[in-house]
PDB file of N, CA and C in Angstrom:
ATOM      1  N   MET A   1      66.544 136.019 136.149  1.00  0.00           N
ATOM      2  CA  MET A   1      66.328 136.170 134.738  1.00  0.00           C
ATOM      3  C   MET A   1      67.007 137.433 134.241  1.00  0.00           C
ATOM      4  N   ALA A   2      66.999 138.535 134.967  1.00  0.00           N
ATOM      5  CA  ALA A   2      67.520 139.817 134.547  1.00  0.00           C
ATOM      6  C   ALA A   2      69.046 139.675 134.400  1.00  0.00           C
ATOM      7  N   ALA A   3      69.691 139.062 135.234  1.00  0.00           N
ATOM      8  CA  ALA A   3      71.154 138.805 135.108  1.00  0.00           C
ATOM      9  C   ALA A   3      71.487 138.026 133.914  1.00  0.00           C
ATOM     10  N   ASN A   4      70.688 136.998 133.663  1.00  0.00           N
ATOM     11  CA  ASN A   4      70.958 136.172 132.427  1.00  0.00           C
ATOM     12  C   ASN A   4      70.770 137.030 131.207  1.00  0.00           C
ATOM     13  N   LEU A   5      69.718 137.814 131.170  1.00  0.00           N
ATOM     14  CA  LEU A   5      69.496 138.608 129.984  1.00  0.00           C
ATOM     15  C   LEU A   5      70.574 139.633 129.749  1.00  0.00           C
ATOM     16  N   ALA A   6      71.020 140.245 130.891  1.00  0.00           N
ATOM     17  CA  ALA A   6      72.127 141.290 130.719  1.00  0.00           C
ATOM     18  C   ALA A   6      73.399 140.594 130.147  1.00  0.00           C
ATOM     19  N   TRP A   7      73.675 139.427 130.673  1.00  0.00           N
ATOM     20  CA  TRP A   7      74.873 138.714 130.249  1.00  0.00           C
ATOM     21  C   TRP A   7      74.743 138.280 128.753  1.00  0.00           C
ATOM     22  N   ALA A   8      73.526 137.900 128.409  1.00  0.00           N
ATOM     23  CA  ALA A   8      73.240 137.450 126.987  1.00  0.00           C
ATOM     24  C   ALA A   8      73.449 138.612 126.071  1.00  0.00           C
ATOM     25  N   ARG A   9      72.863 139.772 126.461  1.00  0.00           N
ATOM     26  CA  ARG A   9      72.956 140.955 125.638  1.00  0.00           C
ATOM     27  C   ARG A   9      74.390 141.277 125.309  1.00  0.00           C
ATOM     28  N   ARG A  10      75.239 141.298 126.308  1.00  0.00           N
ATOM     29  CA  ARG A  10      76.670 141.630 126.217  1.00  0.00           C
ATOM     30  C   ARG A  10      77.392 140.593 125.326  1.00  0.00           C
ATOM     31  N   ASN A  11      76.877 139.344 125.353  1.00  0.00           N
ATOM     32  CA  ASN A  11      77.575 138.381 124.551  1.00  0.00           C
ATOM     33  C   ASN A  11      76.837 138.019 123.317  1.00  0.00           C
ATOM     34  N   GLN A  12      75.946 138.906 122.850  1.00  0.00           N
ATOM     35  CA  GLN A  12      75.303 138.841 121.558  1.00  0.00           C
ATOM     36  C   GLN A  12      74.440 137.501 121.435  1.00  0.00           C
ATOM     37  N   ILE A  13      73.832 137.033 122.532  1.00  0.00           N
ATOM     38  CA  ILE A  13      72.971 135.882 122.489  1.00  0.00           C
ATOM     39  C   ILE A  13      71.528 136.404 122.499  1.00  0.00           C
ATOM     40  N   PRO A  14      70.745 136.017 121.539  1.00  0.00           N
ATOM     41  CA  PRO A  14      69.354 136.566 121.418  1.00  0.00           C
ATOM     42  C   PRO A  14      68.591 136.216 122.659  1.00  0.00           C
ATOM     43  N   GLU A  15      67.734 137.243 123.016  1.00  0.00           N
ATOM     44  CA  GLU A  15      66.919 137.098 124.271  1.00  0.00           C
ATOM     45  C   GLU A  15      65.977 135.982 124.191  1.00  0.00           C
ATOM     46  N   GLU A  16      65.495 135.573 123.078  1.00  0.00           N
ATOM     47  CA  GLU A  16      64.474 134.471 123.021  1.00  0.00           C
ATOM     48  C   GLU A  16      65.284 133.167 123.251  1.00  0.00           C
ATOM     49  N   LYS A  17      66.494 133.029 123.123  1.00  0.00           N
ATOM     50  CA  LYS A  17      67.269 131.796 123.513  1.00  0.00           C
ATOM     51  C   LYS A  17      67.298 131.751 125.028  1.00  0.00           C
ATOM     52  N   VAL A  18      67.457 132.854 125.796  1.00  0.00           N
ATOM     53  CA  VAL A  18      67.589 132.881 127.253  1.00  0.00           C
ATOM     54  C   VAL A  18      66.162 132.515 127.759  1.00  0.00           C
ATOM     55  N   ARG A  19      65.125 133.068 127.169  1.00  0.00           N
ATOM     56  CA  ARG A  19      63.739 132.759 127.614  1.00  0.00           C
ATOM     57  C   ARG A  19      63.395 131.221 127.304  1.00  0.00           C
ATOM     58  N   GLY A  20      64.039 130.736 126.252  1.00  0.00           N
ATOM     59  CA  GLY A  20      63.787 129.332 125.828  1.00  0.00           C
ATOM     60  C   GLY A  20      64.399 128.239 126.715  1.00  0.00           C
ATOM     61  N   LEU A  21      65.314 128.705 127.639  1.00  0.00           N
ATOM     62  CA  LEU A  21      65.983 127.708 128.531  1.00  0.00           C
ATOM     63  C   LEU A  21      65.093 126.934 129.383  1.00  0.00           C
ATOM     64  N   ASP A  22      63.924 127.445 129.686  1.00  0.00           N
ATOM     65  CA  ASP A  22      63.011 126.710 130.547  1.00  0.00           C
ATOM     66  C   ASP A  22      62.521 125.424 129.838  1.00  0.00           C
ATOM     67  N   ASP A  23      62.467 125.365 128.569  1.00  0.00           N
ATOM     68  CA  ASP A  23      62.100 124.196 127.782  1.00  0.00           C
ATOM     69  C   ASP A  23      62.945 124.090 126.475  1.00  0.00           C
ATOM     70  N   PRO A  24      64.116 123.708 126.576  1.00  0.00           N
ATOM     71  CA  PRO A  24      65.185 123.674 125.408  1.00  0.00           C
ATOM     72  C   PRO A  24      64.566 122.921 124.200  1.00  0.00           C
ATOM     73  N   ASP A  25      63.801 121.871 124.396  1.00  0.00           N
ATOM     74  CA  ASP A  25      63.235 121.067 123.353  1.00  0.00           C
ATOM     75  C   ASP A  25      62.332 121.890 122.490  1.00  0.00           C
ATOM     76  N   ARG A  26      61.579 122.825 122.954  1.00  0.00           N
ATOM     77  CA  ARG A  26      60.693 123.647 122.311  1.00  0.00           C
ATOM     78  C   ARG A  26      61.210 125.029 121.982  1.00  0.00           C
ATOM     79  N   GLY A  27      62.333 125.339 122.545  1.00  0.00           N
ATOM     80  CA  GLY A  27      62.946 126.743 122.323  1.00  0.00           C
ATOM     81  C   GLY A  27      63.599 126.907 120.985  1.00  0.00           C
ATOM     82  N   PRO A  28      64.093 128.001 120.729  1.00  0.00           N
ATOM     83  CA  PRO A  28      64.635 128.410 119.339  1.00  0.00           C
ATOM     84  C   PRO A  28      66.105 127.898 119.230  1.00  0.00           C
ATOM     85  N   PHE A  29      66.314 126.631 119.428  1.00  0.00           N
ATOM     86  CA  PHE A  29      67.664 126.212 119.523  1.00  0.00           C
ATOM     87  C   PHE A  29      67.950 125.243 118.304  1.00  0.00           C
ATOM     88  N   THR A  30      69.257 125.269 117.856  1.00  0.00           N
ATOM     89  CA  THR A  30      69.634 124.353 116.780  1.00  0.00           C
ATOM     90  C   THR A  30      69.820 122.968 117.460  1.00  0.00           C
ATOM     91  N   PRO A  31      69.963 121.875 116.584  1.00  0.00           N
ATOM     92  CA  PRO A  31      70.234 120.596 117.276  1.00  0.00           C
ATOM     93  C   PRO A  31      71.514 120.586 118.049  1.00  0.00           C
ATOM     94  N   ARG A  32      72.535 121.372 117.665  1.00  0.00           N
ATOM     95  CA  ARG A  32      73.743 121.407 118.450  1.00  0.00           C
ATOM     96  C   ARG A  32      73.583 122.093 119.869  1.00  0.00           C
ATOM     97  N   GLU A  33      72.782 123.130 119.828  1.00  0.00           N
ATOM     98  CA  GLU A  33      72.508 123.868 121.073  1.00  0.00           C
ATOM     99  C   GLU A  33      71.671 123.022 121.977  1.00  0.00           C
ATOM    100  N   LYS A  34      70.677 122.296 121.420  1.00  0.00           N
ATOM    101  CA  LYS A  34      69.897 121.372 122.272  1.00  0.00           C
ATOM    102  C   LYS A  34      70.707 120.334 122.870  1.00  0.00           C
ATOM    103  N   ALA A  35      71.673 119.808 122.148  1.00  0.00           N
ATOM    104  CA  ALA A  35      72.585 118.778 122.748  1.00  0.00           C
ATOM    105  C   ALA A  35      73.533 119.323 123.905  1.00  0.00           C
ATOM    106  N   VAL A  36      73.963 120.498 123.648  1.00  0.00           N
ATOM    107  CA  VAL A  36      74.740 121.151 124.721  1.00  0.00           C
ATOM    108  C   VAL A  36      73.948 121.441 125.889  1.00  0.00           C
ATOM    109  N   LEU A  37      72.749 122.047 125.787  1.00  0.00           N
ATOM    110  CA  LEU A  37      71.874 122.207 126.920  1.00  0.00           C
ATOM    111  C   LEU A  37      71.446 121.023 127.613  1.00  0.00           C
ATOM    112  N   LYS A  38      71.222 119.828 126.794  1.00  0.00           N
ATOM    113  CA  LYS A  38      70.947 118.591 127.494  1.00  0.00           C
ATOM    114  C   LYS A  38      72.147 118.128 128.416  1.00  0.00           C
ATOM    115  N   LEU A  39      73.294 118.150 127.875  1.00  0.00           N
ATOM    116  CA  LEU A  39      74.523 117.820 128.668  1.00  0.00           C
ATOM    117  C   LEU A  39      74.581 118.835 129.984  1.00  0.00           C
ATOM    118  N   ALA A  40      74.393 120.076 129.769  1.00  0.00           N
ATOM    119  CA  ALA A  40      74.479 121.042 130.905  1.00  0.00           C
ATOM    120  C   ALA A  40      73.449 120.559 132.023  1.00  0.00           C
ATOM    121  N   GLU A  41      72.217 120.266 131.605  1.00  0.00           N
ATOM    122  CA  GLU A  41      71.202 120.015 132.516  1.00  0.00           C
ATOM    123  C   GLU A  41      71.435 118.751 133.320  1.00  0.00           C
ATOM    124  N   ILE A  42      71.967 117.729 132.540  1.00  0.00           N
ATOM    125  CA  ILE A  42      72.399 116.434 133.148  1.00  0.00           C
ATOM    126  C   ILE A  42      73.448 116.661 134.270  1.00  0.00           C
ATOM    127  N   MET A  43      74.487 117.411 133.794  1.00  0.00           N
ATOM    128  CA  MET A  43      75.591 117.547 134.748  1.00  0.00           C
ATOM    129  C   MET A  43      75.340 118.581 135.922  1.00  0.00           C
ATOM    130  N   ALA A  44      74.449 119.471 135.633  1.00  0.00           N
ATOM    131  CA  ALA A  44      74.105 120.399 136.741  1.00  0.00           C
ATOM    132  C   ALA A  44      73.111 119.841 137.727  1.00  0.00           C
ATOM    133  N   HIS A  45      72.090 119.200 137.233  1.00  0.00           N
ATOM    134  CA  HIS A  45      71.008 118.792 137.988  1.00  0.00           C
ATOM    135  C   HIS A  45      70.761 117.309 138.424  1.00  0.00           C
ATOM    136  N   ARG A  46      71.592 116.547 137.790  1.00  0.00           N
ATOM    137  CA  ARG A  46      71.507 115.008 138.054  1.00  0.00           C
ATOM    138  C   ARG A  46      72.954 114.518 138.350  1.00  0.00           C
ATOM    139  N   SER A  47      73.501 114.843 139.487  1.00  0.00           N
ATOM    140  CA  SER A  47      74.955 114.563 139.725  1.00  0.00           C
ATOM    141  C   SER A  47      75.271 113.095 139.644  1.00  0.00           C
ATOM    142  N   GLU A  48      74.302 112.246 139.933  1.00  0.00           N
ATOM    143  CA  GLU A  48      74.579 110.771 139.857  1.00  0.00           C
ATOM    144  C   GLU A  48      74.305 110.189 138.531  1.00  0.00           C
ATOM    145  N   ALA A  49      73.772 110.980 137.564  1.00  0.00           N
ATOM    146  CA  ALA A  49      73.391 110.394 136.257  1.00  0.00           C
ATOM    147  C   ALA A  49      74.604 110.151 135.386  1.00  0.00           C
ATOM    148  N   VAL A  50      74.388 109.070 134.625  1.00  0.00           N
ATOM    149  CA  VAL A  50      75.430 108.589 133.597  1.00  0.00           C
ATOM    150  C   VAL A  50      74.723 108.914 132.322  1.00  0.00           C
ATOM    151  N   LEU A  51      75.483 109.470 131.368  1.00  0.00           N
ATOM    152  CA  LEU A  51      74.872 109.771 130.105  1.00  0.00           C
ATOM    153  C   LEU A  51      74.238 108.500 129.386  1.00  0.00           C
ATOM    154  N   GLU A  52      73.013 108.589 129.014  1.00  0.00           N
ATOM    155  CA  GLU A  52      72.444 107.509 128.318  1.00  0.00           C
ATOM    156  C   GLU A  52      73.034 107.492 126.933  1.00  0.00           C
ATOM    157  N   ALA A  53      72.998 106.207 126.246  1.00  0.00           N
ATOM    158  CA  ALA A  53      73.603 106.051 125.061  1.00  0.00           C
ATOM    159  C   ALA A  53      73.014 106.970 123.938  1.00  0.00           C
ATOM    160  N   ALA A  54      71.702 107.120 123.964  1.00  0.00           N
ATOM    161  CA  ALA A  54      71.026 108.103 122.990  1.00  0.00           C
ATOM    162  C   ALA A  54      71.503 109.540 123.132  1.00  0.00           C
ATOM    163  N   VAL A  55      71.803 110.013 124.387  1.00  0.00           N
ATOM    164  CA  VAL A  55      72.194 111.323 124.617  1.00  0.00           C
ATOM    165  C   VAL A  55      73.698 111.528 124.170  1.00  0.00           C
ATOM    166  N   LEU A  56      74.406 110.531 124.482  1.00  0.00           N
ATOM    167  CA  LEU A  56      75.853 110.542 124.070  1.00  0.00           C
ATOM    168  C   LEU A  56      76.018 110.554 122.473  1.00  0.00           C
ATOM    169  N   GLU A  57      75.128 109.756 121.811  1.00  0.00           N
ATOM    170  CA  GLU A  57      75.167 109.694 120.414  1.00  0.00           C
ATOM    171  C   GLU A  57      74.739 111.098 119.816  1.00  0.00           C
ATOM    172  N   GLU A  58      73.762 111.691 120.431  1.00  0.00           N
ATOM    173  CA  GLU A  58      73.363 113.006 119.919  1.00  0.00           C
ATOM    174  C   GLU A  58      74.435 114.030 120.162  1.00  0.00           C
ATOM    175  N   LEU A  59      75.142 113.952 121.277  1.00  0.00           N
ATOM    176  CA  LEU A  59      76.354 114.836 121.569  1.00  0.00           C
ATOM    177  C   LEU A  59      77.426 114.623 120.495  1.00  0.00           C
ATOM    178  N   LYS A  60      77.645 113.381 120.165  1.00  0.00           N
ATOM    179  CA  LYS A  60      78.781 113.002 119.293  1.00  0.00           C
ATOM    180  C   LYS A  60      78.360 113.460 117.809  1.00  0.00           C
ATOM    181  N   ARG A  61      77.100 113.525 117.524  1.00  0.00           N
ATOM    182  CA  ARG A  61      76.658 113.983 116.206  1.00  0.00           C
ATOM    183  C   ARG A  61      76.948 115.474 116.040  1.00  0.00           C
ATOM    184  N   GLU A  62      76.788 116.131 117.103  1.00  0.00           N
ATOM    185  CA  GLU A  62      76.846 117.643 117.086  1.00  0.00           C
ATOM    186  C   GLU A  62      78.221 118.299 117.518  1.00  0.00           C
ATOM    187  N   LEU A  63      78.989 117.574 118.219  1.00  0.00           N
ATOM    188  CA  LEU A  63      80.291 118.070 118.797  1.00  0.00           C
ATOM    189  C   LEU A  63      81.508 117.200 118.383  1.00  0.00           C
ATOM    190  N   THR A  64      82.583 117.795 118.225  1.00  0.00           N
ATOM    191  CA  THR A  64      83.761 116.985 118.028  1.00  0.00           C
ATOM    192  C   THR A  64      84.253 116.429 119.402  1.00  0.00           C
ATOM    193  N   ASP A  65      85.043 115.415 119.407  1.00  0.00           N
ATOM    194  CA  ASP A  65      85.576 114.893 120.755  1.00  0.00           C
ATOM    195  C   ASP A  65      86.094 116.004 121.585  1.00  0.00           C
ATOM    196  N   GLU A  66      86.862 116.836 120.994  1.00  0.00           N
ATOM    197  CA  GLU A  66      87.550 117.977 121.733  1.00  0.00           C
ATOM    198  C   GLU A  66      86.548 118.889 122.332  1.00  0.00           C
ATOM    199  N   GLU A  67      85.472 119.198 121.534  1.00  0.00           N
ATOM    200  CA  GLU A  67      84.365 120.134 122.172  1.00  0.00           C
ATOM    201  C   GLU A  67      83.659 119.414 123.229  1.00  0.00           C
ATOM    202  N   LEU A  68      83.351 118.166 123.129  1.00  0.00           N
ATOM    203  CA  LEU A  68      82.581 117.499 124.109  1.00  0.00           C
ATOM    204  C   LEU A  68      83.481 117.376 125.391  1.00  0.00           C
ATOM    205  N   VAL A  69      84.728 117.116 125.421  1.00  0.00           N
ATOM    206  CA  VAL A  69      85.579 117.068 126.491  1.00  0.00           C
ATOM    207  C   VAL A  69      85.672 118.407 127.172  1.00  0.00           C
ATOM    208  N   GLU A  70      85.838 119.509 126.268  1.00  0.00           N
ATOM    209  CA  GLU A  70      86.014 120.903 126.838  1.00  0.00           C
ATOM    210  C   GLU A  70      84.682 121.247 127.618  1.00  0.00           C
ATOM    211  N   LEU A  71      83.517 120.999 126.915  1.00  0.00           N
ATOM    212  CA  LEU A  71      82.244 121.396 127.629  1.00  0.00           C
ATOM    213  C   LEU A  71      82.018 120.536 128.886  1.00  0.00           C
ATOM    214  N   GLY A  72      82.365 119.171 128.788  1.00  0.00           N
ATOM    215  CA  GLY A  72      82.058 118.384 129.957  1.00  0.00           C
ATOM    216  C   GLY A  72      82.962 118.833 131.150  1.00  0.00           C
ATOM    217  N   MET A  73      84.330 119.166 130.922  1.00  0.00           N
ATOM    218  CA  MET A  73      85.135 119.647 131.910  1.00  0.00           C
ATOM    219  C   MET A  73      84.701 121.017 132.382  1.00  0.00           C
ATOM    220  N   TYR A  74      84.245 121.922 131.464  1.00  0.00           N
ATOM    221  CA  TYR A  74      83.747 123.200 131.945  1.00  0.00           C
ATOM    222  C   TYR A  74      82.583 123.045 132.880  1.00  0.00           C
ATOM    223  N   PHE A  75      81.565 122.147 132.537  1.00  0.00           N
ATOM    224  CA  PHE A  75      80.417 121.953 133.330  1.00  0.00           C
ATOM    225  C   PHE A  75      80.760 121.365 134.657  1.00  0.00           C
ATOM    226  N   ALA A  76      81.779 120.432 134.702  1.00  0.00           N
ATOM    227  CA  ALA A  76      82.230 119.841 135.908  1.00  0.00           C
ATOM    228  C   ALA A  76      82.830 120.820 136.876  1.00  0.00           C
ATOM    229  N   LEU A  77      83.638 121.771 136.208  1.00  0.00           N
ATOM    230  CA  LEU A  77      84.268 122.870 137.071  1.00  0.00           C
ATOM    231  C   LEU A  77      83.138 123.816 137.618  1.00  0.00           C
ATOM    232  N   VAL A  78      82.229 124.257 136.769  1.00  0.00           N
ATOM    233  CA  VAL A  78      81.250 125.262 137.124  1.00  0.00           C
ATOM    234  C   VAL A  78      80.318 124.539 138.235  1.00  0.00           C
ATOM    235  N   THR A  79      79.875 123.374 138.062  1.00  0.00           N
ATOM    236  CA  THR A  79      79.056 122.768 139.090  1.00  0.00           C
ATOM    237  C   THR A  79      79.740 122.442 140.313  1.00  0.00           C
ATOM    238  N   GLY A  80      81.111 122.186 140.183  1.00  0.00           N
ATOM    239  CA  GLY A  80      81.898 122.055 141.364  1.00  0.00           C
ATOM    240  C   GLY A  80      82.010 123.302 142.205  1.00  0.00           C
ATOM    241  N   PHE A  81      82.243 124.473 141.526  1.00  0.00           N
ATOM    242  CA  PHE A  81      82.196 125.748 142.185  1.00  0.00           C
ATOM    243  C   PHE A  81      80.855 126.051 142.909  1.00  0.00           C
ATOM    244  N   GLN A  82      79.779 125.708 142.224  1.00  0.00           N
ATOM    245  CA  GLN A  82      78.539 125.905 142.889  1.00  0.00           C
ATOM    246  C   GLN A  82      78.349 125.078 144.117  1.00  0.00           C
ATOM    247  N   LYS A  83      78.839 123.869 144.055  1.00  0.00           N
ATOM    248  CA  LYS A  83      78.802 123.085 145.278  1.00  0.00           C
ATOM    249  C   LYS A  83      79.625 123.641 146.423  1.00  0.00           C
ATOM    250  N   PHE A  84      80.811 124.154 146.003  1.00  0.00           N
ATOM    251  CA  PHE A  84      81.724 124.852 146.997  1.00  0.00           C
ATOM    252  C   PHE A  84      80.913 126.050 147.562  1.00  0.00           C
ATOM    253  N   ASN A  85      80.420 126.873 146.710  1.00  0.00           N
ATOM    254  CA  ASN A  85      79.776 128.151 147.168  1.00  0.00           C
ATOM    255  C   ASN A  85      78.612 127.754 148.161  1.00  0.00           C
ATOM    256  N   THR A  86      77.743 126.842 147.753  1.00  0.00           N
ATOM    257  CA  THR A  86      76.688 126.424 148.667  1.00  0.00           C
ATOM    258  C   THR A  86      77.215 125.883 149.973  1.00  0.00           C
ATOM    259  N   ALA A  87      78.215 125.056 150.006  1.00  0.00           N
ATOM    260  CA  ALA A  87      78.744 124.491 151.195  1.00  0.00           C
ATOM    261  C   ALA A  87      79.292 125.500 152.132  1.00  0.00           C
ATOM    262  N   PHE A  88      79.960 126.573 151.616  1.00  0.00           N
ATOM    263  CA  PHE A  88      80.514 127.615 152.372  1.00  0.00           C
ATOM    264  C   PHE A  88      79.733 128.777 152.488  1.00  0.00           C
ATOM    265  N   GLY A  89      78.492 128.807 151.946  1.00  0.00           N
ATOM    266  CA  GLY A  89      77.576 129.984 152.160  1.00  0.00           C
ATOM    267  C   GLY A  89      78.003 131.125 151.434  1.00  0.00           C
ATOM    268  N   ILE A  90      78.746 131.027 150.318  1.00  0.00           N
ATOM    269  CA  ILE A  90      79.196 132.126 149.488  1.00  0.00           C
ATOM    270  C   ILE A  90      78.106 132.636 148.579  1.00  0.00           C
ATOM    271  N   LEU A  91      77.849 133.905 148.544  1.00  0.00           N
ATOM    272  CA  LEU A  91      76.830 134.480 147.720  1.00  0.00           C
ATOM    273  C   LEU A  91      77.216 134.681 146.298  1.00  0.00           C
ATOM    274  N   TYR A  92      76.328 135.096 145.409  1.00  0.00           N
ATOM    275  CA  TYR A  92      76.587 135.232 144.065  1.00  0.00           C
ATOM    276  C   TYR A  92      77.699 136.365 143.730  1.00  0.00           C
ATOM    277  N   ALA A  93      77.686 137.404 144.484  1.00  0.00           N
ATOM    278  CA  ALA A  93      78.565 138.577 144.266  1.00  0.00           C
ATOM    279  C   ALA A  93      80.051 138.330 144.596  1.00  0.00           C
ATOM    280  N   CYS A  94      80.918 138.869 143.930  1.00  0.00           N
ATOM    281  CA  CYS A  94      82.299 138.711 144.052  1.00  0.00           C
ATOM    282  C   CYS A  94      82.969 140.131 143.943  1.00  0.00           C
ATOM    283  N   ALA A  95      83.853 140.454 144.877  1.00  0.00           N
ATOM    284  CA  ALA A  95      84.458 141.759 144.864  1.00  0.00           C
ATOM    285  C   ALA A  95      85.540 141.862 143.625  1.00  0.00           C
ATOM    286  N   THR A  96      86.063 140.668 143.251  1.00  0.00           N
ATOM    287  CA  THR A  96      87.124 140.746 142.208  1.00  0.00           C
ATOM    288  C   THR A  96      86.426 140.401 140.803  1.00  0.00           C
ATOM    289  N   GLU A  97      86.631 141.302 139.827  1.00  0.00           N
ATOM    290  CA  GLU A  97      85.985 141.033 138.525  1.00  0.00           C
ATOM    291  C   GLU A  97      86.798 139.900 137.837  1.00  0.00           C
ATOM    292  N   PRO A  98      86.029 139.004 137.169  1.00  0.00           N
ATOM    293  CA  PRO A  98      86.690 137.993 136.400  1.00  0.00           C
ATOM    294  C   PRO A  98      87.345 138.519 135.169  1.00  0.00           C
ATOM    295  N   PRO A  99      88.320 137.682 134.618  1.00  0.00           N
ATOM    296  CA  PRO A  99      89.043 138.126 133.449  1.00  0.00           C
ATOM    297  C   PRO A  99      88.108 138.185 132.227  1.00  0.00           C
ATOM    298  N   THR A 100      88.493 139.069 131.283  1.00  0.00           N
ATOM    299  CA  THR A 100      87.618 139.177 130.108  1.00  0.00           C
ATOM    300  C   THR A 100      88.397 138.844 128.911  1.00  0.00           C
ATOM    301  N   GLY A 101      87.740 138.601 127.773  1.00  0.00           N
ATOM    302  CA  GLY A 101      88.318 138.186 126.502  1.00  0.00           C
ATOM    303  C   GLY A 101      88.602 136.773 126.392  1.00  0.00           C
ATOM    304  N   GLY A 102      89.072 136.301 125.218  1.00  0.00           N
ATOM    305  CA  GLY A 102      89.418 134.948 124.976  1.00  0.00           C
ATOM    306  C   GLY A 102      88.179 134.153 124.526  1.00  0.00           C
ATOM    307  N   PRO A 103      88.469 132.875 124.088  1.00  0.00           N
ATOM    308  CA  PRO A 103      87.401 132.057 123.498  1.00  0.00           C
ATOM    309  C   PRO A 103      86.607 131.512 124.636  1.00  0.00           C
ATOM    310  N   HIS A 104      85.264 131.320 124.486  1.00  0.00           N
ATOM    311  CA  HIS A 104      84.440 130.780 125.504  1.00  0.00           C
ATOM    312  C   HIS A 104      83.552 129.776 124.842  1.00  0.00           C
ATOM    313  N   ALA A 105      83.806 128.525 125.058  1.00  0.00           N
ATOM    314  CA  ALA A 105      83.077 127.431 124.337  1.00  0.00           C
ATOM    315  C   ALA A 105      81.621 127.494 124.584  1.00  0.00           C
ATOM    316  N   ILE A 106      81.182 127.836 125.738  1.00  0.00           N
ATOM    317  CA  ILE A 106      79.683 127.898 126.010  1.00  0.00           C
ATOM    318  C   ILE A 106      79.060 129.023 125.155  1.00  0.00           C
ATOM    319  N   SER A 107      79.689 130.166 125.150  1.00  0.00           N
ATOM    320  CA  SER A 107      79.124 131.259 124.395  1.00  0.00           C
ATOM    321  C   SER A 107      79.124 130.894 122.858  1.00  0.00           C
ATOM    322  N   ARG A 108      80.197 130.312 122.376  1.00  0.00           N
ATOM    323  CA  ARG A 108      80.262 129.890 120.994  1.00  0.00           C
ATOM    324  C   ARG A 108      79.196 128.927 120.654  1.00  0.00           C
ATOM    325  N   SER A 109      78.998 127.979 121.534  1.00  0.00           N
ATOM    326  CA  SER A 109      77.992 126.901 121.329  1.00  0.00           C
ATOM    327  C   SER A 109      76.564 127.423 121.327  1.00  0.00           C
ATOM    328  N   LEU A 110      76.295 128.499 122.015  1.00  0.00           N
ATOM    329  CA  LEU A 110      74.950 129.071 122.052  1.00  0.00           C
ATOM    330  C   LEU A 110      74.848 130.237 121.082  1.00  0.00           C
ATOM    331  N   GLY A 111      75.765 130.374 120.168  1.00  0.00           N
ATOM    332  CA  GLY A 111      75.710 131.402 119.119  1.00  0.00           C
ATOM    333  C   GLY A 111      76.224 132.775 119.519  1.00  0.00           C
ATOM    334  N   GLY A 112      76.879 132.967 120.535  1.00  0.00           N
ATOM    335  CA  GLY A 112      77.364 134.258 121.009  1.00  0.00           C
ATOM    336  C   GLY A 112      78.728 134.589 120.384  1.00  0.00           C
ATOM    337  N   SER A 113      79.294 135.652 120.836  1.00  0.00           N
ATOM    338  CA  SER A 113      80.548 136.108 120.413  1.00  0.00           C
ATOM    339  C   SER A 113      81.652 135.358 121.132  1.00  0.00           C
ATOM    340  N   PRO A 114      82.627 134.751 120.332  1.00  0.00           N
ATOM    341  CA  PRO A 114      83.673 134.035 121.086  1.00  0.00           C
ATOM    342  C   PRO A 114      84.629 134.978 121.907  1.00  0.00           C
ATOM    343  N   SER A 115      84.622 136.276 121.604  1.00  0.00           N
ATOM    344  CA  SER A 115      85.516 137.111 122.400  1.00  0.00           C
ATOM    345  C   SER A 115      84.845 137.781 123.525  1.00  0.00           C
ATOM    346  N   GLY A 116      83.432 137.583 123.779  1.00  0.00           N
ATOM    347  CA  GLY A 116      82.762 138.216 124.894  1.00  0.00           C
ATOM    348  C   GLY A 116      83.276 137.701 126.131  1.00  0.00           C
ATOM    349  N   GLY A 117      83.531 138.642 127.072  1.00  0.00           N
ATOM    350  CA  GLY A 117      83.968 138.261 128.399  1.00  0.00           C
ATOM    351  C   GLY A 117      82.833 138.532 129.393  1.00  0.00           C
ATOM    352  N   ALA A 118      83.105 137.969 130.585  1.00  0.00           N
ATOM    353  CA  ALA A 118      82.060 138.153 131.631  1.00  0.00           C
ATOM    354  C   ALA A 118      82.257 139.454 132.316  1.00  0.00           C
ATOM    355  N   ASP A 119      81.202 140.130 132.585  1.00  0.00           N
ATOM    356  CA  ASP A 119      81.353 141.395 133.405  1.00  0.00           C
ATOM    357  C   ASP A 119      80.069 141.399 134.284  1.00  0.00           C
ATOM    358  N   LEU A 120      80.272 141.384 135.524  1.00  0.00           N
ATOM    359  CA  LEU A 120      79.191 141.228 136.494  1.00  0.00           C
ATOM    360  C   LEU A 120      78.692 142.609 136.985  1.00  0.00           C
ATOM    361  N   THR A 121      79.366 143.714 136.509  1.00  0.00           N
ATOM    362  CA  THR A 121      78.855 145.010 136.908  1.00  0.00           C
ATOM    363  C   THR A 121      77.372 145.210 136.761  1.00  0.00           C
ATOM    364  N   GLU A 122      76.843 144.962 135.510  1.00  0.00           N
ATOM    365  CA  GLU A 122      75.370 145.231 135.266  1.00  0.00           C
ATOM    366  C   GLU A 122      74.473 144.397 136.158  1.00  0.00           C
ATOM    367  N   GLU A 123      74.991 143.111 136.343  1.00  0.00           N
ATOM    368  CA  GLU A 123      74.149 142.196 137.166  1.00  0.00           C
ATOM    369  C   GLU A 123      74.010 142.660 138.586  1.00  0.00           C
ATOM    370  N   ARG A 124      75.169 143.207 139.148  1.00  0.00           N
ATOM    371  CA  ARG A 124      75.196 143.757 140.474  1.00  0.00           C
ATOM    372  C   ARG A 124      74.259 144.964 140.682  1.00  0.00           C
ATOM    373  N   GLU A 125      74.252 145.767 139.634  1.00  0.00           N
ATOM    374  CA  GLU A 125      73.479 147.016 139.648  1.00  0.00           C
ATOM    375  C   GLU A 125      71.940 146.641 139.634  1.00  0.00           C
ATOM    376  N   MET A 126      71.591 145.542 139.050  1.00  0.00           N
ATOM    377  CA  MET A 126      70.209 145.190 138.984  1.00  0.00           C
ATOM    378  C   MET A 126      69.676 144.531 140.296  1.00  0.00           C
ATOM    379  N   ARG A 127      70.585 144.214 141.198  1.00  0.00           N
ATOM    380  CA  ARG A 127      70.072 143.543 142.400  1.00  0.00           C
ATOM    381  C   ARG A 127      69.807 144.585 143.401  1.00  0.00           C
TER     382      ARG A 127
END
């Protein structure tokens, strides 16, 4: 949780939203954010799941086709990396810092700054 909170602070995402991730339906999220979180949960935790019609309708109400494709591809990439890391026993830390800056769909969708970049320095110091 500490790493998530540190990242959220840097990206101007309110702490109550991070804490609300345990139960997005009851958390302080907009309908758009709830739809994005539902997609993330399905893609990250139910690899064999096919989007139900009601979930897809909800996503289409809240996102453009372009946003839906971008988020779906992003989630596929991230979950693929996690599977790779697990298979090869790679831990969370990385010696190379990721690039910073540029638009980030996930951060924008959760109400954060579109120019906020990832910086793992603070997370490493917390471990």
